[in-house]
Amino acid sequence: MSTKNITRLYVIDDDRHFIYGLNKGLKIRNYCDEILFFDDPKDALEVIEENIAKNESIPDFLFLDINMPGIDGWDFLSRLKPIQEKCSKKIKVFIVSSSLLGSDMEKALAFAEVENYLTKPSSKEMMETIFGTD
């Protein structure tokens, strides 16, 4: 996979330490042009839905934590599905969680939108799994 095709990335996570490390790693390696961070999944859903007609505003990749207060990752994925069906651009969703439960991984990968399930913390290997190597 070529990193040159990654224009926009959404990160939906409420873990400030993870966000800090991820942001630093992404910027150092210049994996994508724009990164938007959301600590409330509802906000991310609203932005995606508002921009459904503008493919250039829809994220190429979306990193999603499953354990968050309010709308969790599972609910987010359920709400994303009908929005995604209206969009001509496929959003590649990566679950990024601290959960090591096999049942969480199986549940996540049952969603067609989910590309992969990765565990925190972020690492160079995680980034290479997602974006490939240069």
N, C-alpha and C. Protein backbone atom coordinates (compact mmCIF):
# COMPACT_ATOMS: atom_id res chain seq x y z
N MET A 1 0.84 -1.18 0.00
CA MET A 1 0.00 0.00 0.00
C MET A 1 0.88 1.24 0.00
N SER A 2 0.52 2.17 -0.83
CA SER A 2 1.30 3.40 -0.92
C SER A 2 0.76 4.46 0.04
N THR A 3 1.64 5.05 0.79
CA THR A 3 1.21 6.10 1.73
C THR A 3 0.85 7.38 1.00
N LYS A 4 1.20 7.53 -0.24
CA LYS A 4 0.92 8.75 -0.98
C LYS A 4 -0.58 8.93 -1.24
N ASN A 5 -1.37 7.87 -1.14
CA ASN A 5 -2.81 7.94 -1.37
C ASN A 5 -3.59 8.33 -0.12
N ILE A 6 -2.96 8.48 1.01
CA ILE A 6 -3.65 8.77 2.26
C ILE A 6 -3.71 10.28 2.44
N THR A 7 -4.87 10.82 2.17
CA THR A 7 -5.05 12.26 2.31
C THR A 7 -5.56 12.60 3.70
N ARG A 8 -6.59 11.90 4.15
CA ARG A 8 -7.27 12.27 5.38
C ARG A 8 -7.45 11.06 6.29
N LEU A 9 -7.16 11.27 7.56
CA LEU A 9 -7.30 10.24 8.59
C LEU A 9 -8.12 10.81 9.74
N TYR A 10 -9.12 10.07 10.18
CA TYR A 10 -9.86 10.42 11.39
C TYR A 10 -9.43 9.47 12.49
N VAL A 11 -9.20 10.01 13.68
CA VAL A 11 -8.88 9.21 14.85
C VAL A 11 -9.98 9.47 15.87
N ILE A 12 -10.69 8.42 16.25
CA ILE A 12 -11.78 8.54 17.22
C ILE A 12 -11.36 7.77 18.47
N ASP A 13 -10.93 8.53 19.47
CA ASP A 13 -10.37 7.92 20.68
C ASP A 13 -10.39 8.97 21.79
N ASP A 14 -10.61 8.52 23.01
CA ASP A 14 -10.62 9.45 24.14
C ASP A 14 -9.38 9.31 25.02
N ASP A 15 -8.42 8.53 24.59
CA ASP A 15 -7.18 8.30 25.35
C ASP A 15 -6.13 9.33 24.93
N ARG A 16 -5.95 10.35 25.74
CA ARG A 16 -5.04 11.46 25.40
C ARG A 16 -3.59 11.01 25.20
N HIS A 17 -3.13 10.03 25.97
CA HIS A 17 -1.75 9.55 25.83
C HIS A 17 -1.56 8.85 24.48
N PHE A 18 -2.53 8.03 24.11
CA PHE A 18 -2.47 7.35 22.83
C PHE A 18 -2.49 8.37 21.69
N ILE A 19 -3.39 9.35 21.78
CA ILE A 19 -3.51 10.36 20.74
C ILE A 19 -2.21 11.14 20.58
N TYR A 20 -1.59 11.50 21.69
CA TYR A 20 -0.33 12.24 21.63
C TYR A 20 0.74 11.43 20.90
N GLY A 21 0.92 10.18 21.30
CA GLY A 21 1.93 9.33 20.68
C GLY A 21 1.64 9.04 19.22
N LEU A 22 0.39 8.78 18.92
CA LEU A 22 -0.01 8.50 17.54
C LEU A 22 0.22 9.73 16.65
N ASN A 23 -0.21 10.87 17.12
CA ASN A 23 -0.04 12.11 16.36
C ASN A 23 1.43 12.37 16.07
N LYS A 24 2.25 12.21 17.07
CA LYS A 24 3.69 12.43 16.89
C LYS A 24 4.27 11.46 15.86
N GLY A 25 3.92 10.19 15.98
CA GLY A 25 4.43 9.18 15.04
C GLY A 25 3.95 9.42 13.61
N LEU A 26 2.68 9.78 13.47
CA LEU A 26 2.14 10.03 12.13
C LEU A 26 2.80 11.23 11.46
N LYS A 27 3.03 12.27 12.24
CA LYS A 27 3.64 13.47 11.66
C LYS A 27 5.11 13.24 11.31
N ILE A 28 5.84 12.52 12.16
CA ILE A 28 7.25 12.24 11.89
C ILE A 28 7.39 11.46 10.59
N ARG A 29 6.52 10.49 10.38
CA ARG A 29 6.62 9.62 9.21
C ARG A 29 5.85 10.16 8.00
N ASN A 30 5.12 11.25 8.20
CA ASN A 30 4.39 11.90 7.12
C ASN A 30 3.49 10.92 6.35
N TYR A 31 2.69 10.15 7.11
CA TYR A 31 1.83 9.14 6.50
C TYR A 31 0.61 9.70 5.80
N CYS A 32 0.13 10.86 6.24
CA CYS A 32 -1.06 11.42 5.62
C CYS A 32 -1.03 12.94 5.71
N ASP A 33 -1.83 13.56 4.84
CA ASP A 33 -1.84 15.02 4.76
C ASP A 33 -2.60 15.68 5.91
N GLU A 34 -3.72 15.09 6.30
CA GLU A 34 -4.57 15.71 7.31
C GLU A 34 -5.04 14.67 8.32
N ILE A 35 -4.95 15.01 9.60
CA ILE A 35 -5.41 14.13 10.67
C ILE A 35 -6.41 14.91 11.51
N LEU A 36 -7.60 14.37 11.67
CA LEU A 36 -8.61 14.98 12.53
C LEU A 36 -8.85 14.05 13.72
N PHE A 37 -8.84 14.61 14.90
CA PHE A 37 -9.04 13.83 16.12
C PHE A 37 -10.41 14.13 16.71
N PHE A 38 -11.11 13.09 17.13
CA PHE A 38 -12.41 13.21 17.77
C PHE A 38 -12.40 12.40 19.05
N ASP A 39 -12.82 13.03 20.16
CA ASP A 39 -12.96 12.25 21.39
C ASP A 39 -14.41 11.85 21.61
N ASP A 40 -15.31 12.33 20.74
CA ASP A 40 -16.71 11.97 20.78
C ASP A 40 -17.10 11.39 19.42
N PRO A 41 -17.44 10.11 19.39
CA PRO A 41 -17.80 9.49 18.11
C PRO A 41 -18.96 10.16 17.39
N LYS A 42 -19.88 10.74 18.14
CA LYS A 42 -21.02 11.45 17.52
C LYS A 42 -20.53 12.58 16.62
N ASP A 43 -19.51 13.30 17.08
CA ASP A 43 -18.97 14.40 16.29
C ASP A 43 -18.39 13.89 14.96
N ALA A 44 -17.69 12.78 15.01
CA ALA A 44 -17.11 12.21 13.78
C ALA A 44 -18.21 11.78 12.82
N LEU A 45 -19.25 11.14 13.33
CA LEU A 45 -20.37 10.72 12.48
C LEU A 45 -21.02 11.93 11.81
N GLU A 46 -21.20 13.00 12.57
CA GLU A 46 -21.81 14.22 12.01
C GLU A 46 -20.96 14.80 10.89
N VAL A 47 -19.64 14.86 11.09
CA VAL A 47 -18.75 15.41 10.07
C VAL A 47 -18.78 14.54 8.81
N ILE A 48 -18.77 13.24 8.98
CA ILE A 48 -18.82 12.35 7.82
C ILE A 48 -20.14 12.53 7.08
N GLU A 49 -21.23 12.56 7.82
CA GLU A 49 -22.54 12.70 7.18
C GLU A 49 -22.69 14.05 6.48
N GLU A 50 -22.19 15.11 7.10
CA GLU A 50 -22.27 16.45 6.49
C GLU A 50 -21.47 16.53 5.19
N ASN A 51 -20.44 15.70 5.06
CA ASN A 51 -19.56 15.77 3.90
C ASN A 51 -19.76 14.61 2.93
N ILE A 52 -20.86 13.90 3.06
CA ILE A 52 -21.10 12.69 2.27
C ILE A 52 -21.02 12.96 0.76
N ALA A 53 -21.40 14.15 0.33
CA ALA A 53 -21.39 14.46 -1.10
C ALA A 53 -20.02 14.90 -1.60
N LYS A 54 -19.11 15.14 -0.66
CA LYS A 54 -17.77 15.61 -1.04
C LYS A 54 -16.75 14.52 -0.70
N ASN A 55 -16.47 13.67 -1.65
CA ASN A 55 -15.54 12.57 -1.40
C ASN A 55 -14.20 13.04 -0.85
N GLU A 56 -13.74 14.21 -1.29
CA GLU A 56 -12.44 14.68 -0.83
C GLU A 56 -12.44 15.02 0.66
N SER A 57 -13.62 15.18 1.26
CA SER A 57 -13.71 15.49 2.69
C SER A 57 -13.93 14.25 3.56
N ILE A 58 -14.17 13.13 2.93
CA ILE A 58 -14.38 11.87 3.66
C ILE A 58 -13.01 11.26 3.95
N PRO A 59 -12.82 10.72 5.15
CA PRO A 59 -11.50 10.15 5.46
C PRO A 59 -11.19 8.91 4.62
N ASP A 60 -9.92 8.75 4.32
CA ASP A 60 -9.46 7.52 3.67
C ASP A 60 -9.43 6.40 4.71
N PHE A 61 -8.88 6.74 5.87
CA PHE A 61 -8.74 5.79 6.98
C PHE A 61 -9.39 6.38 8.22
N LEU A 62 -9.85 5.49 9.08
CA LEU A 62 -10.44 5.90 10.34
C LEU A 62 -9.93 4.95 11.42
N PHE A 63 -9.30 5.49 12.45
CA PHE A 63 -8.86 4.70 13.60
C PHE A 63 -9.93 4.84 14.67
N LEU A 64 -10.40 3.73 15.19
CA LEU A 64 -11.53 3.73 16.11
C LEU A 64 -11.23 2.90 17.35
N ASP A 65 -11.38 3.53 18.50
CA ASP A 65 -11.30 2.82 19.78
C ASP A 65 -12.68 2.24 20.06
N ILE A 66 -12.75 1.05 20.63
CA ILE A 66 -14.07 0.46 20.90
C ILE A 66 -14.60 0.79 22.28
N ASN A 67 -13.71 1.09 23.23
CA ASN A 67 -14.15 1.35 24.60
C ASN A 67 -14.12 2.84 24.91
N MET A 68 -15.29 3.48 24.71
CA MET A 68 -15.41 4.91 25.00
C MET A 68 -16.75 5.14 25.69
N PRO A 69 -16.83 6.19 26.50
CA PRO A 69 -18.12 6.48 27.13
C PRO A 69 -19.11 7.01 26.10
N GLY A 70 -20.39 6.87 26.39
CA GLY A 70 -21.42 7.30 25.43
C GLY A 70 -21.51 6.31 24.30
N ILE A 71 -21.31 6.78 23.09
CA ILE A 71 -21.30 5.88 21.92
C ILE A 71 -19.98 5.14 21.91
N ASP A 72 -20.02 3.82 22.01
CA ASP A 72 -18.77 3.07 21.94
C ASP A 72 -18.48 2.72 20.48
N GLY A 73 -17.38 2.04 20.26
CA GLY A 73 -16.98 1.70 18.90
C GLY A 73 -17.97 0.84 18.16
N TRP A 74 -18.64 -0.07 18.89
CA TRP A 74 -19.62 -0.95 18.25
C TRP A 74 -20.81 -0.15 17.73
N ASP A 75 -21.28 0.76 18.56
CA ASP A 75 -22.40 1.60 18.17
C ASP A 75 -21.99 2.51 17.00
N PHE A 76 -20.78 3.03 17.06
CA PHE A 76 -20.28 3.86 15.97
C PHE A 76 -20.30 3.09 14.65
N LEU A 77 -19.79 1.85 14.66
CA LEU A 77 -19.76 1.05 13.44
C LEU A 77 -21.17 0.80 12.91
N SER A 78 -22.13 0.54 13.81
CA SER A 78 -23.51 0.32 13.39
C SER A 78 -24.10 1.58 12.75
N ARG A 79 -23.76 2.74 13.30
CA ARG A 79 -24.28 4.00 12.76
C ARG A 79 -23.54 4.42 11.49
N LEU A 80 -22.30 4.00 11.35
CA LEU A 80 -21.52 4.35 10.16
C LEU A 80 -22.01 3.59 8.93
N LYS A 81 -22.46 2.36 9.12
CA LYS A 81 -22.83 1.51 7.99
C LYS A 81 -23.82 2.17 7.03
N PRO A 82 -24.97 2.71 7.49
CA PRO A 82 -25.90 3.34 6.53
C PRO A 82 -25.32 4.61 5.90
N ILE A 83 -24.47 5.31 6.62
CA ILE A 83 -23.83 6.50 6.06
C ILE A 83 -22.86 6.07 4.96
N GLN A 84 -22.08 5.03 5.24
CA GLN A 84 -21.09 4.52 4.29
C GLN A 84 -21.77 4.03 3.02
N GLU A 85 -22.97 3.47 3.14
CA GLU A 85 -23.69 2.97 1.96
C GLU A 85 -24.08 4.09 1.00
N LYS A 86 -24.21 5.32 1.52
CA LYS A 86 -24.57 6.47 0.68
C LYS A 86 -23.35 7.12 0.04
N CYS A 87 -22.18 6.72 0.47
CA CYS A 87 -20.94 7.36 0.03
C CYS A 87 -20.25 6.51 -1.03
N SER A 88 -19.75 7.14 -2.05
CA SER A 88 -19.06 6.39 -3.10
C SER A 88 -17.62 6.04 -2.70
N LYS A 89 -17.12 6.67 -1.65
CA LYS A 89 -15.76 6.41 -1.17
C LYS A 89 -15.81 5.46 0.02
N LYS A 90 -15.03 4.40 -0.04
CA LYS A 90 -14.99 3.44 1.08
C LYS A 90 -14.00 3.93 2.13
N ILE A 91 -14.48 4.02 3.37
CA ILE A 91 -13.63 4.39 4.49
C ILE A 91 -13.04 3.11 5.08
N LYS A 92 -11.73 3.05 5.17
CA LYS A 92 -11.07 1.88 5.76
C LYS A 92 -10.97 2.11 7.27
N VAL A 93 -11.66 1.27 8.03
CA VAL A 93 -11.70 1.40 9.48
C VAL A 93 -10.72 0.42 10.12
N PHE A 94 -9.92 0.95 11.03
CA PHE A 94 -9.00 0.14 11.81
C PHE A 94 -9.38 0.29 13.28
N ILE A 95 -9.70 -0.82 13.92
CA ILE A 95 -9.96 -0.79 15.36
C ILE A 95 -8.59 -0.73 16.03
N VAL A 96 -8.44 0.25 16.91
CA VAL A 96 -7.20 0.40 17.67
C VAL A 96 -7.63 0.43 19.13
N SER A 97 -7.39 -0.68 19.83
CA SER A 97 -7.93 -0.83 21.18
C SER A 97 -6.90 -1.44 22.12
N SER A 98 -7.12 -1.21 23.40
CA SER A 98 -6.28 -1.86 24.41
C SER A 98 -6.82 -3.23 24.77
N SER A 99 -7.99 -3.57 24.26
CA SER A 99 -8.60 -4.87 24.55
C SER A 99 -7.87 -5.98 23.81
N LEU A 100 -7.49 -6.99 24.56
CA LEU A 100 -6.84 -8.16 23.99
C LEU A 100 -7.79 -9.34 23.85
N LEU A 101 -9.08 -9.11 24.13
CA LEU A 101 -10.06 -10.18 24.08
C LEU A 101 -10.28 -10.67 22.65
N GLY A 102 -10.17 -11.96 22.47
CA GLY A 102 -10.42 -12.55 21.16
C GLY A 102 -11.84 -12.27 20.68
N SER A 103 -12.79 -12.22 21.61
CA SER A 103 -14.19 -11.95 21.24
C SER A 103 -14.34 -10.54 20.67
N ASP A 104 -13.58 -9.56 21.19
CA ASP A 104 -13.62 -8.21 20.63
C ASP A 104 -13.06 -8.20 19.22
N MET A 105 -11.97 -8.92 19.02
CA MET A 105 -11.37 -8.97 17.69
C MET A 105 -12.33 -9.63 16.69
N GLU A 106 -12.93 -10.74 17.08
CA GLU A 106 -13.87 -11.42 16.19
C GLU A 106 -15.06 -10.54 15.86
N LYS A 107 -15.59 -9.87 16.87
CA LYS A 107 -16.74 -8.98 16.67
C LYS A 107 -16.38 -7.84 15.72
N ALA A 108 -15.21 -7.25 15.91
CA ALA A 108 -14.77 -6.14 15.05
C ALA A 108 -14.61 -6.59 13.60
N LEU A 109 -13.97 -7.71 13.41
CA LEU A 109 -13.70 -8.18 12.05
C LEU A 109 -14.95 -8.69 11.33
N ALA A 110 -16.04 -8.86 12.08
CA ALA A 110 -17.31 -9.25 11.46
C ALA A 110 -17.95 -8.08 10.72
N PHE A 111 -17.54 -6.85 11.05
CA PHE A 111 -18.02 -5.67 10.34
C PHE A 111 -17.25 -5.55 9.03
N ALA A 112 -17.96 -5.45 7.91
CA ALA A 112 -17.32 -5.36 6.60
C ALA A 112 -16.42 -4.13 6.49
N GLU A 113 -16.74 -3.07 7.23
CA GLU A 113 -15.97 -1.82 7.16
C GLU A 113 -14.60 -1.93 7.83
N VAL A 114 -14.43 -2.91 8.70
CA VAL A 114 -13.20 -3.03 9.49
C VAL A 114 -12.12 -3.77 8.71
N GLU A 115 -11.00 -3.09 8.51
CA GLU A 115 -9.86 -3.66 7.79
C GLU A 115 -8.99 -4.54 8.70
N ASN A 116 -8.81 -4.07 9.95
CA ASN A 116 -7.90 -4.78 10.85
C ASN A 116 -8.18 -4.37 12.28
N TYR A 117 -7.73 -5.19 13.21
CA TYR A 117 -7.85 -4.94 14.65
C TYR A 117 -6.44 -4.87 15.20
N LEU A 118 -6.09 -3.72 15.75
CA LEU A 118 -4.74 -3.52 16.26
C LEU A 118 -4.80 -3.13 17.73
N THR A 119 -3.79 -3.54 18.48
CA THR A 119 -3.80 -3.23 19.90
C THR A 119 -2.86 -2.07 20.21
N LYS A 120 -3.26 -1.31 21.23
CA LYS A 120 -2.45 -0.19 21.71
C LYS A 120 -1.31 -0.73 22.54
N PRO A 121 -0.27 0.02 22.74
CA PRO A 121 -0.03 1.37 22.24
C PRO A 121 0.40 1.35 20.78
N SER A 122 0.41 2.53 20.17
CA SER A 122 0.85 2.61 18.77
C SER A 122 2.34 2.34 18.70
N SER A 123 2.76 1.84 17.57
CA SER A 123 4.17 1.52 17.39
C SER A 123 4.52 1.67 15.91
N LYS A 124 5.78 1.64 15.64
CA LYS A 124 6.25 1.69 14.25
C LYS A 124 5.68 0.50 13.48
N GLU A 125 5.65 -0.66 14.12
CA GLU A 125 5.12 -1.87 13.46
C GLU A 125 3.64 -1.71 13.14
N MET A 126 2.89 -1.08 14.06
CA MET A 126 1.47 -0.85 13.81
C MET A 126 1.30 0.04 12.58
N MET A 127 2.08 1.09 12.51
CA MET A 127 1.98 2.02 11.38
C MET A 127 2.34 1.32 10.07
N GLU A 128 3.35 0.47 10.10
CA GLU A 128 3.74 -0.26 8.89
C GLU A 128 2.67 -1.24 8.47
N THR A 129 1.96 -1.84 9.45
CA THR A 129 0.86 -2.74 9.14
C THR A 129 -0.24 -2.00 8.42
N ILE A 130 -0.53 -0.80 8.87
CA ILE A 130 -1.61 -0.01 8.30
C ILE A 130 -1.21 0.67 6.99
N PHE A 131 -0.10 1.36 7.00
CA PHE A 131 0.28 2.20 5.87
C PHE A 131 1.29 1.54 4.92
N GLY A 132 1.85 0.44 5.32
CA GLY A 132 2.90 -0.18 4.53
C GLY A 132 4.24 0.50 4.81
N THR A 133 5.24 0.07 4.15
CA THR A 133 6.57 0.66 4.32
C THR A 133 6.91 1.49 3.10
N ASP A 134 7.74 2.47 3.28
CA ASP A 134 8.12 3.35 2.18
C ASP A 134 9.14 2.69 1.27
